[in-house]
Structure formats: C-alpha cells, structure tokens
Amino acid sequence: MHLLKRLIHRRQLLLSGLALAILSPRAVQAKESSALTGANRLARPAPPAKNGKRIVMIDPGHGGIDSGAVGEEGSEEKHIVLEIAGNVQRQLQSHPRIEVRLTRDSDHFIPLYQRVEIAHQHGADLFMSIHADGFTSPDASGASVFALSNRGASSSMARYLSQRENDADKLGGVKAQQQDHYLQQILFDLVQTDTIKNSLTLGKHVLDQIRPVHHLHSQHTEQAAFAVLKSPSIPSVLVETSFITNPREEQLLGTTAFRQKIASAIASGIINYFDEFDRRNA
C-alpha cells in the first residue's frame, strides 16, 4: 500500500509537469526495462555506449518458429529482413556518432515484449523493426513506415498489419505480459506524446530516402497499435520494406542489390533524423 501511494503521488507530479525536471530519459528507460522484464530473462546485453555514440537498435522481424509472411515462391520474411538489417548495420558501422545493434543476428524466435526490453537494456536512442509483410491480395505493393498510435489505426491496412504482427507471439506460445497498471500509466504520461512525435519525424526521414529508390505504399507515416513499438521513451518505427506476397516484390527482395538499396535508404533516413534532432536541440 505504501508503494501504491508513492506511485500515485509520482503520477500527480507527472500530470503537473514537475516530473520532467526530475526524471531523465535514461532513468525512464531503466524503470521501464524493469517493468518489462518477465520470468525468462535475457542474457546480459552489451552496455550502453559511453563514447557519445547514439545506439540504434535494429529489429529483424519474426525468426525461428515464426517465419513471418511467405511469398508465392516460398521466400520467408524472417530470412530476408535479417539480411536487410545486417546491411543497415554495415552501412552505419563507420559512422562516427552511431552504433547499431541487432535484436537478433540468427534465426531464432524472440517474443515481441522482449524485443522492446532488449532496446531498453542496451540504452537505445532509436528502435526500428524491419519487415517485408504479406497481405490478402497479391496486388498490395510498396514500402510503408509505421509509428505507434494510441488512438486507433490510421488506415485499414495499418490495422490489418498491426493485428498480424501482434499475433506473432502466439506461434511461440507467449502469453500477454502482466504489468503494473500504475507504472505503465506513469511512464506513458511522462514521455509518450513526445516519443510518438519523434517517431513520426523518424518515419518521415526514412520515407523521404526510400521514395527515390522504391515505390511507396503510403506517402506518409502510418500509425497503429504495434506491440513492438510500445516503448514510451524510445522513438520507434516499423518499416515494411515491401510486400513479399506480391510476386514482383518477392523477386526484388530476393536480390542482393535491392536489399542493399533499401538498407542504404533506411540508414540515410536514420542519419538525417539524428541530424534534425541535433539541430532542434542545439
């Protein structure tokens, strides 16, 4: 009961705006990571960068028992997005101010909530989940970028894809995490509005870089309740590089040239986002 009173008091501070002067983003990440940790703890991650670099957490979607979408020719999303994520990491490895880490670098299953937890354990400044999803019609095509929404999906496609992605944990037999309601509300009250705004800015920069090299399914950053984007304090987007269920795009995704081209566009979008962020906060 004493803890509950302290949490309620903290919430009152947050709502009055005073907590923003008390808690740093890193402190919020530490508290949220503790809230997200379940019974199956992850191995100790690499420590947050102490060299002034921004940590970018790239999340190749699906993996292991979860193949993701499968194309007409049998291409599996999980393998393609792992290749693209690795390309993004290599594109940015020489950048003096950015360090890229992956949630997975092999073919294994990771529950959605653990992907968010990994980002917090590493002290990530940005989270990006990479996909090449499918749709009920083979005509669906193009790249899309999604940010979190707490007000419903911005389109029927966004709703469909978020429901599809959120169902991934069922393949691994993962039950929904039971988390403390008050702590969740406190964290969301604290920074989620600014985080979503930054996520939308990140999405715009990524779309601007993809537009010259690949057809866009949507010209603006869509929003939906993707579970993997539900970090209140880390700007997070989900990039659908193409639709693997579109025969032409399945062929594209199977080529080294296209995977490198789309990865280069994503990497440039990340750099441009941090450049704008630094200018705004100079």
Protein backbone atom coordinates (compact mmCIF):
# COMPACT_ATOMS: atom_id res chain seq x y z
CA MET A 1 0.00 0.00 0.00
CA HIS A 2 2.90 2.34 0.79
CA LEU A 3 4.33 1.66 -2.70
CA LEU A 4 0.93 2.33 -4.28
CA LYS A 5 0.72 5.70 -2.54
CA ARG A 6 4.20 6.59 -3.80
CA LEU A 7 3.22 5.65 -7.36
CA ILE A 8 0.02 7.70 -7.20
CA HIS A 9 1.99 10.64 -5.84
CA ARG A 10 4.51 10.26 -8.68
CA ARG A 11 1.64 10.27 -11.20
CA GLN A 12 0.34 13.51 -9.72
CA LEU A 13 3.76 15.05 -10.20
CA LEU A 14 3.87 13.88 -13.79
CA LEU A 15 0.48 15.31 -14.58
CA SER A 16 1.56 18.65 -13.16
CA GLY A 17 4.63 18.63 -15.39
CA LEU A 18 7.11 18.65 -12.49
CA ALA A 19 8.45 15.16 -13.13
CA LEU A 20 10.00 16.20 -16.43
CA ALA A 21 12.51 18.18 -14.40
CA ILE A 22 13.18 15.23 -12.08
CA LEU A 23 13.45 12.13 -14.27
CA SER A 24 15.87 11.85 -17.19
CA PRO A 25 15.03 9.76 -20.29
CA ARG A 26 17.70 7.25 -19.24
CA ALA A 27 16.05 6.88 -15.85
CA VAL A 28 12.71 6.30 -17.53
CA GLN A 29 14.27 3.62 -19.73
CA ALA A 30 15.73 1.88 -16.69
CA LYS A 31 12.39 1.87 -14.89
CA GLU A 32 10.51 0.68 -17.96
CA SER A 33 13.03 -2.09 -18.66
CA SER A 34 12.44 -3.37 -15.15
CA ALA A 35 8.69 -3.34 -15.72
CA LEU A 36 9.02 -5.22 -19.00
CA THR A 37 11.28 -7.97 -17.70
CA GLY A 38 9.46 -11.30 -17.45
CA ALA A 39 10.35 -14.67 -15.99
CA ASN A 40 12.62 -15.52 -18.93
CA ARG A 41 15.44 -13.03 -18.52
CA LEU A 42 17.72 -12.27 -21.41
CA ALA A 43 21.46 -12.75 -21.36
CA ARG A 44 23.35 -9.67 -20.18
CA PRO A 45 23.45 -7.24 -23.11
CA ALA A 46 26.32 -5.07 -24.23
CA PRO A 47 26.45 -1.92 -22.08
CA PRO A 48 25.17 1.40 -23.38
CA ALA A 49 27.76 3.24 -25.46
CA LYS A 50 29.99 5.51 -23.38
CA ASN A 51 31.72 7.12 -26.34
CA GLY A 52 28.96 9.60 -27.11
CA LYS A 53 27.51 7.48 -29.90
CA ARG A 54 23.78 7.06 -30.41
CA ILE A 55 22.66 3.46 -30.10
CA VAL A 56 20.32 2.32 -32.86
CA MET A 57 18.52 -0.97 -32.19
CA ILE A 58 17.53 -2.69 -35.42
CA ASP A 59 14.98 -5.46 -35.01
CA PRO A 60 14.73 -8.02 -37.82
CA GLY A 61 11.12 -9.15 -37.56
CA HIS A 62 9.98 -12.70 -36.82
CA GLY A 63 12.53 -15.56 -36.61
CA GLY A 64 12.71 -19.19 -35.55
CA ILE A 65 9.30 -20.85 -35.43
CA ASP A 66 7.78 -17.60 -36.73
CA SER A 67 8.59 -17.38 -40.44
CA GLY A 68 6.58 -14.22 -40.96
CA ALA A 69 4.93 -13.85 -44.34
CA VAL A 70 5.80 -16.35 -47.08
CA GLY A 71 5.90 -15.47 -50.77
CA GLU A 72 4.48 -17.40 -53.68
CA GLU A 73 7.93 -18.85 -54.44
CA GLY A 74 8.48 -19.83 -50.81
CA SER A 75 10.62 -16.88 -49.70
CA GLU A 76 10.37 -16.39 -45.93
CA GLU A 77 10.16 -12.92 -44.45
CA LYS A 78 12.33 -13.81 -41.44
CA HIS A 79 15.41 -14.52 -43.59
CA ILE A 80 15.03 -11.52 -45.89
CA VAL A 81 14.63 -8.98 -43.10
CA LEU A 82 17.64 -10.40 -41.26
CA GLU A 83 19.70 -9.73 -44.40
CA ILE A 84 18.36 -6.18 -44.70
CA ALA A 85 19.00 -5.47 -41.01
CA GLY A 86 22.58 -6.68 -41.36
CA ASN A 87 23.01 -4.40 -44.36
CA VAL A 88 21.75 -1.42 -42.35
CA GLN A 89 24.25 -2.25 -39.61
CA ARG A 90 27.11 -2.44 -42.11
CA GLN A 91 26.03 0.82 -43.77
CA LEU A 92 26.27 2.65 -40.44
CA GLN A 93 29.25 0.90 -38.85
CA SER A 94 31.69 3.59 -39.97
CA HIS A 95 29.50 6.48 -38.81
CA PRO A 96 31.35 8.39 -36.06
CA ARG A 97 28.24 9.06 -33.96
CA ILE A 98 26.07 5.96 -34.43
CA GLU A 99 26.40 2.40 -33.16
CA VAL A 100 23.98 -0.22 -34.49
CA ARG A 101 22.95 -3.32 -32.57
CA LEU A 102 20.53 -6.08 -33.59
CA THR A 103 17.84 -7.76 -31.51
CA ARG A 104 18.75 -10.99 -33.31
CA ASP A 105 21.60 -11.96 -35.63
CA SER A 106 20.45 -15.53 -36.29
CA ASP A 107 17.26 -17.46 -36.98
CA HIS A 108 15.60 -17.65 -33.57
CA PHE A 109 12.30 -16.58 -32.05
CA ILE A 110 12.07 -13.54 -29.75
CA PRO A 111 8.75 -12.51 -28.14
CA LEU A 112 7.62 -9.01 -29.01
CA TYR A 113 7.90 -7.63 -25.48
CA GLN A 114 11.48 -8.92 -25.24
CA ARG A 115 12.42 -7.01 -28.38
CA VAL A 116 11.36 -3.81 -26.62
CA GLU A 117 13.18 -4.92 -23.48
CA ILE A 118 16.39 -5.56 -25.41
CA ALA A 119 16.30 -1.99 -26.71
CA HIS A 120 15.96 -0.64 -23.17
CA GLN A 121 18.67 -2.87 -21.76
CA HIS A 122 21.06 -1.52 -24.38
CA GLY A 123 20.06 2.08 -23.69
CA ALA A 124 18.88 2.53 -27.28
CA ASP A 125 18.19 6.00 -28.65
CA LEU A 126 16.14 4.65 -31.54
CA PHE A 127 14.32 1.39 -32.32
CA MET A 128 13.44 0.15 -35.79
CA SER A 129 11.68 -3.12 -36.62
CA ILE A 130 12.20 -4.27 -40.21
CA HIS A 131 9.63 -6.35 -42.08
CA ALA A 132 8.53 -7.49 -45.54
CA ASP A 133 4.97 -8.44 -44.81
CA GLY A 134 2.12 -10.03 -46.68
CA PHE A 135 -1.46 -9.13 -47.47
CA THR A 136 -4.58 -10.99 -48.55
CA SER A 137 -4.22 -9.60 -52.08
CA PRO A 138 -1.05 -10.15 -54.15
CA ASP A 139 -1.59 -6.69 -55.65
CA ALA A 140 -0.54 -4.88 -52.46
CA SER A 141 2.89 -3.38 -53.03
CA GLY A 142 5.37 -0.78 -51.89
CA ALA A 143 7.15 0.26 -48.72
CA SER A 144 5.49 1.69 -45.62
CA VAL A 145 6.61 3.10 -42.29
CA PHE A 146 4.54 2.85 -39.12
CA ALA A 147 4.69 4.56 -35.74
CA LEU A 148 2.70 3.80 -32.61
CA SER A 149 -0.85 5.04 -32.24
CA ASN A 150 -2.82 5.18 -29.01
CA ARG A 151 -5.93 6.40 -30.84
CA GLY A 152 -6.59 3.59 -33.28
CA ALA A 153 -5.11 2.72 -36.67
CA SER A 154 -4.68 5.40 -39.32
CA SER A 155 -5.90 3.09 -42.11
CA SER A 156 -7.41 -0.34 -42.68
CA MET A 157 -4.02 -1.59 -43.92
CA ALA A 158 -2.31 -0.31 -40.77
CA ARG A 159 -4.93 -2.08 -38.66
CA TYR A 160 -4.52 -5.35 -40.59
CA LEU A 161 -0.72 -5.34 -40.41
CA SER A 162 -0.60 -4.44 -36.71
CA GLN A 163 -3.01 -7.26 -35.86
CA ARG A 164 -0.96 -9.66 -37.97
CA GLU A 165 2.33 -8.64 -36.36
CA ASN A 166 0.89 -8.66 -32.84
CA ASP A 167 -0.27 -12.25 -33.37
CA ALA A 168 3.33 -13.40 -33.88
CA ASP A 169 3.79 -14.26 -30.19
CA LYS A 170 1.03 -16.85 -30.39
CA LEU A 171 3.30 -19.01 -32.55
CA GLY A 172 5.80 -19.14 -29.70
CA GLY A 173 3.18 -19.81 -27.06
CA VAL A 174 3.84 -16.49 -25.34
CA LYS A 175 1.13 -15.17 -23.06
CA ALA A 176 0.49 -11.47 -22.64
CA GLN A 177 2.71 -9.87 -20.02
CA GLN A 178 1.01 -8.81 -16.83
CA GLN A 179 2.44 -5.42 -15.97
CA ASP A 180 1.68 -2.96 -13.20
CA HIS A 181 -1.08 -0.65 -14.43
CA TYR A 182 0.06 2.36 -12.41
CA LEU A 183 3.67 2.10 -13.55
CA GLN A 184 2.58 1.73 -17.17
CA GLN A 185 0.36 4.81 -16.90
CA ILE A 186 3.10 6.84 -15.23
CA LEU A 187 5.60 6.03 -17.94
CA PHE A 188 3.15 6.72 -20.74
CA ASP A 189 2.08 10.03 -19.20
CA LEU A 190 5.70 11.07 -18.89
CA VAL A 191 7.04 10.91 -22.41
CA GLN A 192 4.81 9.08 -24.88
CA THR A 193 3.49 12.17 -26.64
CA ASP A 194 6.99 13.46 -27.44
CA THR A 195 8.18 9.96 -28.29
CA ILE A 196 5.42 9.44 -30.85
CA LYS A 197 6.17 12.87 -32.34
CA ASN A 198 9.84 11.92 -32.70
CA SER A 199 8.83 8.55 -34.16
CA LEU A 200 6.75 10.32 -36.82
CA THR A 201 9.73 12.55 -37.63
CA LEU A 202 11.94 9.48 -37.96
CA GLY A 203 9.35 7.85 -40.20
CA LYS A 204 9.26 10.91 -42.47
CA HIS A 205 13.03 10.85 -42.94
CA VAL A 206 13.02 7.14 -43.75
CA LEU A 207 10.19 7.56 -46.27
CA ASP A 208 11.99 10.52 -47.88
CA GLN A 209 15.01 8.29 -48.50
CA ILE A 210 13.06 5.25 -49.70
CA ARG A 211 10.87 7.28 -52.10
CA PRO A 212 13.56 7.75 -54.81
CA VAL A 213 14.55 4.07 -54.84
CA HIS A 214 11.29 2.16 -54.33
CA HIS A 215 7.53 2.58 -54.69
CA LEU A 216 5.75 3.69 -51.51
CA HIS A 217 2.52 2.04 -50.42
CA SER A 218 1.75 5.08 -48.28
CA GLN A 219 3.26 8.54 -48.72
CA HIS A 220 3.21 9.35 -45.01
CA THR A 221 3.99 7.54 -41.76
CA GLU A 222 1.01 5.41 -40.79
CA GLN A 223 0.06 4.68 -37.18
CA ALA A 224 -1.32 1.62 -35.41
CA ALA A 225 -1.00 -0.23 -32.10
CA PHE A 226 2.01 -2.40 -32.95
CA ALA A 227 3.12 -4.15 -29.75
CA VAL A 228 6.78 -3.95 -30.73
CA LEU A 229 6.58 -0.13 -30.89
CA LYS A 230 5.18 0.35 -27.39
CA SER A 231 8.19 1.94 -25.75
CA PRO A 232 7.15 5.21 -24.13
CA SER A 233 10.69 6.62 -24.19
CA ILE A 234 12.44 5.34 -27.35
CA PRO A 235 11.40 6.72 -30.75
CA SER A 236 10.29 3.58 -32.60
CA VAL A 237 9.13 2.76 -36.11
CA LEU A 238 8.29 -0.36 -38.07
CA VAL A 239 9.45 -0.40 -41.70
CA GLU A 240 7.65 -2.62 -44.18
CA THR A 241 10.23 -2.73 -46.96
CA SER A 242 7.88 -4.41 -49.46
CA PHE A 243 5.09 -6.97 -49.68
CA ILE A 244 6.58 -10.43 -50.03
CA THR A 245 3.16 -11.70 -51.16
CA ASN A 246 3.45 -9.54 -54.29
CA PRO A 247 5.23 -11.75 -56.89
CA ARG A 248 7.28 -8.89 -58.34
CA GLU A 249 8.34 -7.63 -54.93
CA GLU A 250 9.19 -11.14 -53.77
CA GLN A 251 11.65 -11.28 -56.67
CA LEU A 252 13.07 -7.88 -55.72
CA LEU A 253 13.51 -8.89 -52.09
CA GLY A 254 15.43 -11.94 -53.25
CA THR A 255 18.14 -9.83 -54.89
CA THR A 256 21.24 -8.59 -53.11
CA ALA A 257 21.05 -5.29 -55.00
CA PHE A 258 17.56 -4.42 -53.76
CA ARG A 259 18.27 -5.45 -50.17
CA GLN A 260 21.35 -3.23 -50.15
CA LYS A 261 19.48 -0.36 -51.80
CA ILE A 262 16.63 -0.39 -49.30
CA ALA A 263 19.09 -0.74 -46.41
CA SER A 264 21.05 2.26 -47.65
CA ALA A 265 17.86 4.33 -47.77
CA ILE A 266 16.96 3.29 -44.22
CA ALA A 267 20.46 4.13 -42.98
CA SER A 268 20.32 7.58 -44.60
CA GLY A 269 16.94 8.21 -43.01
CA ILE A 270 18.36 7.38 -39.58
CA ILE A 271 21.30 9.76 -40.08
CA ASN A 272 19.00 12.56 -41.25
CA TYR A 273 16.72 12.03 -38.26
CA PHE A 274 19.59 12.44 -35.78
CA ASP A 275 20.87 15.48 -37.70
CA GLU A 276 17.45 17.15 -37.40
CA PHE A 277 17.15 16.14 -33.75
CA ASP A 278 20.54 17.73 -33.00
CA ARG A 279 19.61 20.93 -34.85
CA ARG A 280 16.33 21.22 -32.96
CA ASN A 281 18.03 20.72 -29.62
CA ALA A 282 21.18 22.75 -30.23
